[in-house]
Amino acid sequence: DLQAKYKAAAAESGCPDLIVDFSGVTFAGSSALGGFVTLQKVVRQNGGRIVLCNVEPTVTEAFTISRLDTLFTFAAEPDAAFK
């Protein structure tokens, strides 16, 4: 669902970058992580960058344990995403 929304928004705005706000998310399972890897590929294919922000430590740990943390850029909040 997020991929379809991204594609529609990128086509409409012409901006391929994506900020994903994890506010309120306290758990990320393997299927969610896999979905973000796929989304990362789609964003990159469109010439964009993806930044994950407001990520709780437990969710960050899931990315780290899965060794996916190096694929993503993390920011404390959306305003700091592309600075």
PDB file of N, CA and C in Angstrom:
ATOM      1  N   ASP A   1       0.828  -1.192   0.000  1.00  0.00           N
ATOM      2  CA  ASP A   1       0.000   0.000   0.000  1.00  0.00           C
ATOM      3  C   ASP A   1       0.871   1.254   0.000  1.00  0.00           C
ATOM      4  N   LEU A   2       1.923   1.251   0.802  1.00  0.00           N
ATOM      5  CA  LEU A   2       2.808   2.407   0.868  1.00  0.00           C
ATOM      6  C   LEU A   2       3.521   2.623  -0.466  1.00  0.00           C
ATOM      7  N   GLN A   3       3.877   1.540  -1.137  1.00  0.00           N
ATOM      8  CA  GLN A   3       4.533   1.661  -2.437  1.00  0.00           C
ATOM      9  C   GLN A   3       3.619   2.318  -3.457  1.00  0.00           C
ATOM     10  N   ALA A   4       2.362   1.906  -3.485  1.00  0.00           N
ATOM     11  CA  ALA A   4       1.404   2.492  -4.429  1.00  0.00           C
ATOM     12  C   ALA A   4       1.191   3.976  -4.132  1.00  0.00           C
ATOM     13  N   LYS A   5       1.084   4.320  -2.857  1.00  0.00           N
ATOM     14  CA  LYS A   5       0.922   5.725  -2.479  1.00  0.00           C
ATOM     15  C   LYS A   5       2.154   6.535  -2.855  1.00  0.00           C
ATOM     16  N   TYR A   6       3.334   5.952  -2.643  1.00  0.00           N
ATOM     17  CA  TYR A   6       4.568   6.639  -3.017  1.00  0.00           C
ATOM     18  C   TYR A   6       4.592   6.905  -4.518  1.00  0.00           C
ATOM     19  N   LYS A   7       4.323   5.885  -5.310  1.00  0.00           N
ATOM     20  CA  LYS A   7       4.371   6.038  -6.763  1.00  0.00           C
ATOM     21  C   LYS A   7       3.404   7.112  -7.242  1.00  0.00           C
ATOM     22  N   ALA A   8       2.197   7.113  -6.686  1.00  0.00           N
ATOM     23  CA  ALA A   8       1.207   8.122  -7.080  1.00  0.00           C
ATOM     24  C   ALA A   8       1.657   9.526  -6.674  1.00  0.00           C
ATOM     25  N   ALA A   9       2.157   9.671  -5.471  1.00  0.00           N
ATOM     26  CA  ALA A   9       2.599  10.983  -4.988  1.00  0.00           C
ATOM     27  C   ALA A   9       3.815  11.470  -5.766  1.00  0.00           C
ATOM     28  N   ALA A  10       4.762  10.582  -6.049  1.00  0.00           N
ATOM     29  CA  ALA A  10       5.962  10.970  -6.796  1.00  0.00           C
ATOM     30  C   ALA A  10       5.600  11.398  -8.215  1.00  0.00           C
ATOM     31  N   ALA A  11       4.660  10.695  -8.823  1.00  0.00           N
ATOM     32  CA  ALA A  11       4.226  11.047 -10.170  1.00  0.00           C
ATOM     33  C   ALA A  11       3.508  12.400 -10.177  1.00  0.00           C
ATOM     34  N   GLU A  12       2.721  12.641  -9.147  1.00  0.00           N
ATOM     35  CA  GLU A  12       1.950  13.884  -9.070  1.00  0.00           C
ATOM     36  C   GLU A  12       2.836  15.088  -8.759  1.00  0.00           C
ATOM     37  N   SER A  13       3.747  14.919  -7.813  1.00  0.00           N
ATOM     38  CA  SER A  13       4.552  16.054  -7.364  1.00  0.00           C
ATOM     39  C   SER A  13       5.870  16.188  -8.112  1.00  0.00           C
ATOM     40  N   GLY A  14       6.329  15.084  -8.706  1.00  0.00           N
ATOM     41  CA  GLY A  14       7.623  15.105  -9.373  1.00  0.00           C
ATOM     42  C   GLY A  14       8.787  15.001  -8.410  1.00  0.00           C
ATOM     43  N   CYS A  15       8.506  14.844  -7.130  1.00  0.00           N
ATOM     44  CA  CYS A  15       9.550  14.725  -6.112  1.00  0.00           C
ATOM     45  C   CYS A  15       9.696  13.254  -5.722  1.00  0.00           C
ATOM     46  N   PRO A  16      10.858  12.646  -6.032  1.00  0.00           N
ATOM     47  CA  PRO A  16      11.013  11.219  -5.754  1.00  0.00           C
ATOM     48  C   PRO A  16      11.424  10.881  -4.319  1.00  0.00           C
ATOM     49  N   ASP A  17      11.730  11.904  -3.495  1.00  0.00           N
ATOM     50  CA  ASP A  17      12.164  11.643  -2.124  1.00  0.00           C
ATOM     51  C   ASP A  17      10.983  11.261  -1.236  1.00  0.00           C
ATOM     52  N   LEU A  18      11.282  10.479  -0.199  1.00  0.00           N
ATOM     53  CA  LEU A  18      10.228   9.998   0.694  1.00  0.00           C
ATOM     54  C   LEU A  18      10.694  10.053   2.139  1.00  0.00           C
ATOM     55  N   ILE A  19       9.855  10.620   2.988  1.00  0.00           N
ATOM     56  CA  ILE A  19      10.079  10.614   4.429  1.00  0.00           C
ATOM     57  C   ILE A  19       9.018   9.707   5.032  1.00  0.00           C
ATOM     58  N   VAL A  20       9.448   8.736   5.824  1.00  0.00           N
ATOM     59  CA  VAL A  20       8.516   7.842   6.508  1.00  0.00           C
ATOM     60  C   VAL A  20       8.603   8.154   7.999  1.00  0.00           C
ATOM     61  N   ASP A  21       7.494   8.604   8.565  1.00  0.00           N
ATOM     62  CA  ASP A  21       7.439   8.971   9.978  1.00  0.00           C
ATOM     63  C   ASP A  21       6.952   7.768  10.780  1.00  0.00           C
ATOM     64  N   PHE A  22       7.792   7.273  11.652  1.00  0.00           N
ATOM     65  CA  PHE A  22       7.487   6.098  12.460  1.00  0.00           C
ATOM     66  C   PHE A  22       6.872   6.455  13.813  1.00  0.00           C
ATOM     67  N   SER A  23       6.369   7.651  13.967  1.00  0.00           N
ATOM     68  CA  SER A  23       5.748   8.040  15.237  1.00  0.00           C
ATOM     69  C   SER A  23       4.667   7.040  15.618  1.00  0.00           C
ATOM     70  N   GLY A  24       4.750   6.537  16.826  1.00  0.00           N
ATOM     71  CA  GLY A  24       3.761   5.586  17.320  1.00  0.00           C
ATOM     72  C   GLY A  24       4.042   4.136  16.975  1.00  0.00           C
ATOM     73  N   VAL A  25       5.048   3.874  16.159  1.00  0.00           N
ATOM     74  CA  VAL A  25       5.392   2.502  15.795  1.00  0.00           C
ATOM     75  C   VAL A  25       6.383   1.966  16.822  1.00  0.00           C
ATOM     76  N   THR A  26       6.030   0.860  17.460  1.00  0.00           N
ATOM     77  CA  THR A  26       6.892   0.298  18.500  1.00  0.00           C
ATOM     78  C   THR A  26       7.447  -1.077  18.144  1.00  0.00           C
ATOM     79  N   PHE A  27       7.039  -1.620  17.000  1.00  0.00           N
ATOM     80  CA  PHE A  27       7.492  -2.946  16.600  1.00  0.00           C
ATOM     81  C   PHE A  27       7.569  -3.012  15.091  1.00  0.00           C
ATOM     82  N   ALA A  28       8.604  -3.684  14.580  1.00  0.00           N
ATOM     83  CA  ALA A  28       8.736  -3.926  13.145  1.00  0.00           C
ATOM     84  C   ALA A  28       9.171  -5.367  12.951  1.00  0.00           C
ATOM     85  N   GLY A  29       8.284  -6.171  12.402  1.00  0.00           N
ATOM     86  CA  GLY A  29       8.589  -7.576  12.138  1.00  0.00           C
ATOM     87  C   GLY A  29       9.275  -7.753  10.803  1.00  0.00           C
ATOM     88  N   SER A  30       9.605  -8.987  10.515  1.00  0.00           N
ATOM     89  CA  SER A  30      10.361  -9.288   9.297  1.00  0.00           C
ATOM     90  C   SER A  30       9.603  -8.921   8.025  1.00  0.00           C
ATOM     91  N   SER A  31       8.292  -9.088   8.016  1.00  0.00           N
ATOM     92  CA  SER A  31       7.548  -8.726   6.804  1.00  0.00           C
ATOM     93  C   SER A  31       7.552  -7.219   6.589  1.00  0.00           C
ATOM     94  N   ALA A  32       7.469  -6.449   7.666  1.00  0.00           N
ATOM     95  CA  ALA A  32       7.538  -4.984   7.551  1.00  0.00           C
ATOM     96  C   ALA A  32       8.916  -4.562   7.059  1.00  0.00           C
ATOM     97  N   LEU A  33       9.955  -5.166   7.615  1.00  0.00           N
ATOM     98  CA  LEU A  33      11.316  -4.831   7.192  1.00  0.00           C
ATOM     99  C   LEU A  33      11.514  -5.157   5.716  1.00  0.00           C
ATOM    100  N   GLY A  34      11.011  -6.300   5.293  1.00  0.00           N
ATOM    101  CA  GLY A  34      11.100  -6.683   3.884  1.00  0.00           C
ATOM    102  C   GLY A  34      10.369  -5.700   2.992  1.00  0.00           C
ATOM    103  N   GLY A  35       9.230  -5.220   3.460  1.00  0.00           N
ATOM    104  CA  GLY A  35       8.470  -4.224   2.704  1.00  0.00           C
ATOM    105  C   GLY A  35       9.237  -2.926   2.541  1.00  0.00           C
ATOM    106  N   PHE A  36       9.963  -2.533   3.582  1.00  0.00           N
ATOM    107  CA  PHE A  36      10.761  -1.312   3.485  1.00  0.00           C
ATOM    108  C   PHE A  36      11.967  -1.487   2.568  1.00  0.00           C
ATOM    109  N   VAL A  37      12.519  -2.673   2.518  1.00  0.00           N
ATOM    110  CA  VAL A  37      13.617  -2.937   1.577  1.00  0.00           C
ATOM    111  C   VAL A  37      13.104  -2.798   0.145  1.00  0.00           C
ATOM    112  N   THR A  38      11.946  -3.358  -0.125  1.00  0.00           N
ATOM    113  CA  THR A  38      11.346  -3.245  -1.447  1.00  0.00           C
ATOM    114  C   THR A  38      11.026  -1.790  -1.774  1.00  0.00           C
ATOM    115  N   LEU A  39      10.475  -1.074  -0.805  1.00  0.00           N
ATOM    116  CA  LEU A  39      10.169   0.341  -1.000  1.00  0.00           C
ATOM    117  C   LEU A  39      11.447   1.126  -1.287  1.00  0.00           C
ATOM    118  N   GLN A  40      12.515   0.806  -0.588  1.00  0.00           N
ATOM    119  CA  GLN A  40      13.803   1.476  -0.815  1.00  0.00           C
ATOM    120  C   GLN A  40      14.233   1.303  -2.267  1.00  0.00           C
ATOM    121  N   LYS A  41      14.071   0.110  -2.811  1.00  0.00           N
ATOM    122  CA  LYS A  41      14.440  -0.148  -4.205  1.00  0.00           C
ATOM    123  C   LYS A  41      13.607   0.698  -5.151  1.00  0.00           C
ATOM    124  N   VAL A  42      12.305   0.788  -4.894  1.00  0.00           N
ATOM    125  CA  VAL A  42      11.405   1.578  -5.740  1.00  0.00           C
ATOM    126  C   VAL A  42      11.796   3.056  -5.692  1.00  0.00           C
ATOM    127  N   VAL A  43      12.065   3.561  -4.505  1.00  0.00           N
ATOM    128  CA  VAL A  43      12.446   4.965  -4.355  1.00  0.00           C
ATOM    129  C   VAL A  43      13.747   5.242  -5.110  1.00  0.00           C
ATOM    130  N   ARG A  44      14.727   4.375  -4.949  1.00  0.00           N
ATOM    131  CA  ARG A  44      16.004   4.563  -5.642  1.00  0.00           C
ATOM    132  C   ARG A  44      15.851   4.484  -7.157  1.00  0.00           C
ATOM    133  N   GLN A  45      14.997   3.587  -7.641  1.00  0.00           N
ATOM    134  CA  GLN A  45      14.763   3.468  -9.079  1.00  0.00           C
ATOM    135  C   GLN A  45      14.156   4.746  -9.646  1.00  0.00           C
ATOM    136  N   ASN A  46      13.458   5.486  -8.801  1.00  0.00           N
ATOM    137  CA  ASN A  46      12.863   6.759  -9.216  1.00  0.00           C
ATOM    138  C   ASN A  46      13.810   7.932  -8.981  1.00  0.00           C
ATOM    139  N   GLY A  47      15.043   7.636  -8.555  1.00  0.00           N
ATOM    140  CA  GLY A  47      16.027   8.684  -8.335  1.00  0.00           C
ATOM    141  C   GLY A  47      15.873   9.402  -7.009  1.00  0.00           C
ATOM    142  N   GLY A  48      15.137   8.805  -6.099  1.00  0.00           N
ATOM    143  CA  GLY A  48      14.882   9.452  -4.825  1.00  0.00           C
ATOM    144  C   GLY A  48      15.654   8.858  -3.666  1.00  0.00           C
ATOM    145  N   ARG A  49      15.411   9.451  -2.515  1.00  0.00           N
ATOM    146  CA  ARG A  49      16.013   8.983  -1.270  1.00  0.00           C
ATOM    147  C   ARG A  49      14.892   8.756  -0.274  1.00  0.00           C
ATOM    148  N   ILE A  50      15.091   7.814   0.624  1.00  0.00           N
ATOM    149  CA  ILE A  50      14.113   7.535   1.665  1.00  0.00           C
ATOM    150  C   ILE A  50      14.776   7.803   3.021  1.00  0.00           C
ATOM    151  N   VAL A  51      14.056   8.502   3.880  1.00  0.00           N
ATOM    152  CA  VAL A  51      14.543   8.798   5.227  1.00  0.00           C
ATOM    153  C   VAL A  51      13.482   8.350   6.217  1.00  0.00           C
ATOM    154  N   LEU A  52      13.906   7.596   7.217  1.00  0.00           N
ATOM    155  CA  LEU A  52      13.015   7.128   8.266  1.00  0.00           C
ATOM    156  C   LEU A  52      13.214   8.035   9.478  1.00  0.00           C
ATOM    157  N   CYS A  53      12.119   8.569  10.018  1.00  0.00           N
ATOM    158  CA  CYS A  53      12.266   9.482  11.145  1.00  0.00           C
ATOM    159  C   CYS A  53      11.354   9.081  12.302  1.00  0.00           C
ATOM    160  N   ASN A  54      11.668   9.630  13.466  1.00  0.00           N
ATOM    161  CA  ASN A  54      10.936   9.320  14.698  1.00  0.00           C
ATOM    162  C   ASN A  54      10.885   7.816  14.964  1.00  0.00           C
ATOM    163  N   VAL A  55      11.994   7.154  14.744  1.00  0.00           N
ATOM    164  CA  VAL A  55      12.056   5.700  14.900  1.00  0.00           C
ATOM    165  C   VAL A  55      12.410   5.366  16.352  1.00  0.00           C
ATOM    166  N   GLU A  56      11.543   4.601  16.989  1.00  0.00           N
ATOM    167  CA  GLU A  56      11.761   4.172  18.373  1.00  0.00           C
ATOM    168  C   GLU A  56      12.978   3.250  18.451  1.00  0.00           C
ATOM    169  N   PRO A  57      13.669   3.232  19.585  1.00  0.00           N
ATOM    170  CA  PRO A  57      14.851   2.376  19.725  1.00  0.00           C
ATOM    171  C   PRO A  57      14.586   0.896  19.437  1.00  0.00           C
ATOM    172  N   THR A  58      13.419   0.391  19.806  1.00  0.00           N
ATOM    173  CA  THR A  58      13.136  -1.022  19.539  1.00  0.00           C
ATOM    174  C   THR A  58      13.021  -1.298  18.042  1.00  0.00           C
ATOM    175  N   VAL A  59      12.509  -0.349  17.300  1.00  0.00           N
ATOM    176  CA  VAL A  59      12.396  -0.504  15.847  1.00  0.00           C
ATOM    177  C   VAL A  59      13.774  -0.348  15.205  1.00  0.00           C
ATOM    178  N   THR A  60      14.551   0.608  15.679  1.00  0.00           N
ATOM    179  CA  THR A  60      15.921   0.768  15.189  1.00  0.00           C
ATOM    180  C   THR A  60      16.711  -0.516  15.412  1.00  0.00           C
ATOM    181  N   GLU A  61      16.495  -1.135  16.558  1.00  0.00           N
ATOM    182  CA  GLU A  61      17.182  -2.383  16.874  1.00  0.00           C
ATOM    183  C   GLU A  61      16.817  -3.486  15.877  1.00  0.00           C
ATOM    184  N   ALA A  62      15.564  -3.531  15.456  1.00  0.00           N
ATOM    185  CA  ALA A  62      15.142  -4.525  14.466  1.00  0.00           C
ATOM    186  C   ALA A  62      15.884  -4.312  13.145  1.00  0.00           C
ATOM    187  N   PHE A  63      16.045  -3.060  12.730  1.00  0.00           N
ATOM    188  CA  PHE A  63      16.809  -2.763  11.515  1.00  0.00           C
ATOM    189  C   PHE A  63      18.271  -3.158  11.695  1.00  0.00           C
ATOM    190  N   THR A  64      18.827  -2.884  12.866  1.00  0.00           N
ATOM    191  CA  THR A  64      20.228  -3.185  13.143  1.00  0.00           C
ATOM    192  C   THR A  64      20.487  -4.686  13.190  1.00  0.00           C
ATOM    193  N   ILE A  65      19.654  -5.412  13.924  1.00  0.00           N
ATOM    194  CA  ILE A  65      19.817  -6.866  14.030  1.00  0.00           C
ATOM    195  C   ILE A  65      19.720  -7.525  12.661  1.00  0.00           C
ATOM    196  N   SER A  66      18.838  -7.006  11.820  1.00  0.00           N
ATOM    197  CA  SER A  66      18.653  -7.550  10.472  1.00  0.00           C
ATOM    198  C   SER A  66      19.712  -7.054   9.495  1.00  0.00           C
ATOM    199  N   ARG A  67      20.593  -6.194   9.984  1.00  0.00           N
ATOM    200  CA  ARG A  67      21.651  -5.583   9.174  1.00  0.00           C
ATOM    201  C   ARG A  67      21.097  -4.754   8.024  1.00  0.00           C
ATOM    202  N   LEU A  68      19.951  -4.165   8.247  1.00  0.00           N
ATOM    203  CA  LEU A  68      19.335  -3.304   7.247  1.00  0.00           C
ATOM    204  C   LEU A  68      19.554  -1.833   7.559  1.00  0.00           C
ATOM    205  N   ASP A  69      20.118  -1.551   8.712  1.00  0.00           N
ATOM    206  CA  ASP A  69      20.305  -0.162   9.115  1.00  0.00           C
ATOM    207  C   ASP A  69      21.217   0.608   8.166  1.00  0.00           C
ATOM    208  N   THR A  70      22.116  -0.083   7.474  1.00  0.00           N
ATOM    209  CA  THR A  70      23.022   0.595   6.553  1.00  0.00           C
ATOM    210  C   THR A  70      22.346   0.960   5.230  1.00  0.00           C
ATOM    211  N   LEU A  71      21.190   0.378   4.961  1.00  0.00           N
ATOM    212  CA  LEU A  71      20.460   0.691   3.729  1.00  0.00           C
ATOM    213  C   LEU A  71      19.632   1.960   3.831  1.00  0.00           C
ATOM    214  N   PHE A  72      19.398   2.402   5.056  1.00  0.00           N
ATOM    215  CA  PHE A  72      18.483   3.515   5.278  1.00  0.00           C
ATOM    216  C   PHE A  72      19.163   4.683   5.974  1.00  0.00           C
ATOM    217  N   THR A  73      18.584   5.849   5.769  1.00  0.00           N
ATOM    218  CA  THR A  73      18.998   7.041   6.491  1.00  0.00           C
ATOM    219  C   THR A  73      17.945   7.288   7.559  1.00  0.00           C
ATOM    220  N   PHE A  74      18.401   7.581   8.762  1.00  0.00           N
ATOM    221  CA  PHE A  74      17.503   7.846   9.884  1.00  0.00           C
ATOM    222  C   PHE A  74      17.657   9.300  10.308  1.00  0.00           C
ATOM    223  N   ALA A  75      16.546   9.915  10.687  1.00  0.00           N
ATOM    224  CA  ALA A  75      16.559  11.290  11.180  1.00  0.00           C
ATOM    225  C   ALA A  75      15.681  11.363  12.405  1.00  0.00           C
ATOM    226  N   ALA A  76      15.994  12.289  13.282  1.00  0.00           N
ATOM    227  CA  ALA A  76      15.227  12.438  14.515  1.00  0.00           C
ATOM    228  C   ALA A  76      13.793  12.869  14.246  1.00  0.00           C
ATOM    229  N   GLU A  77      13.605  13.734  13.253  1.00  0.00           N
ATOM    230  CA  GLU A  77      12.266  14.246  12.945  1.00  0.00           C
ATOM    231  C   GLU A  77      12.195  14.606  11.457  1.00  0.00           C
ATOM    232  N   PRO A  78      10.997  14.757  10.914  1.00  0.00           N
ATOM    233  CA  PRO A  78      10.853  15.037   9.481  1.00  0.00           C
ATOM    234  C   PRO A  78      11.596  16.290   9.015  1.00  0.00           C
ATOM    235  N   ASP A  79      11.615  17.339   9.832  1.00  0.00           N
ATOM    236  CA  ASP A  79      12.286  18.574   9.427  1.00  0.00           C
ATOM    237  C   ASP A  79      13.784  18.392   9.202  1.00  0.00           C
ATOM    238  N   ALA A  80      14.365  17.383   9.832  1.00  0.00           N
ATOM    239  CA  ALA A  80      15.802  17.136   9.708  1.00  0.00           C
ATOM    240  C   ALA A  80      16.127  16.083   8.644  1.00  0.00           C
ATOM    241  N   ALA A  81      15.136  15.601   7.936  1.00  0.00           N
ATOM    242  CA  ALA A  81      15.316  14.463   7.037  1.00  0.00           C
ATOM    243  C   ALA A  81      16.350  14.680   5.930  1.00  0.00           C
ATOM    244  N   PHE A  82      16.324  15.791   5.255  1.00  0.00           N
ATOM    245  CA  PHE A  82      17.217  15.982   4.116  1.00  0.00           C
ATOM    246  C   PHE A  82      18.222  17.097   4.341  1.00  0.00           C
ATOM    247  N   LYS A  83      18.585  17.312   5.588  1.00  0.00           N
ATOM    248  CA  LYS A  83      19.580  18.354   5.899  1.00  0.00           C
ATOM    249  C   LYS A  83      20.946  17.753   6.003  1.00  0.00           C
TER     250      LYS A  83
END
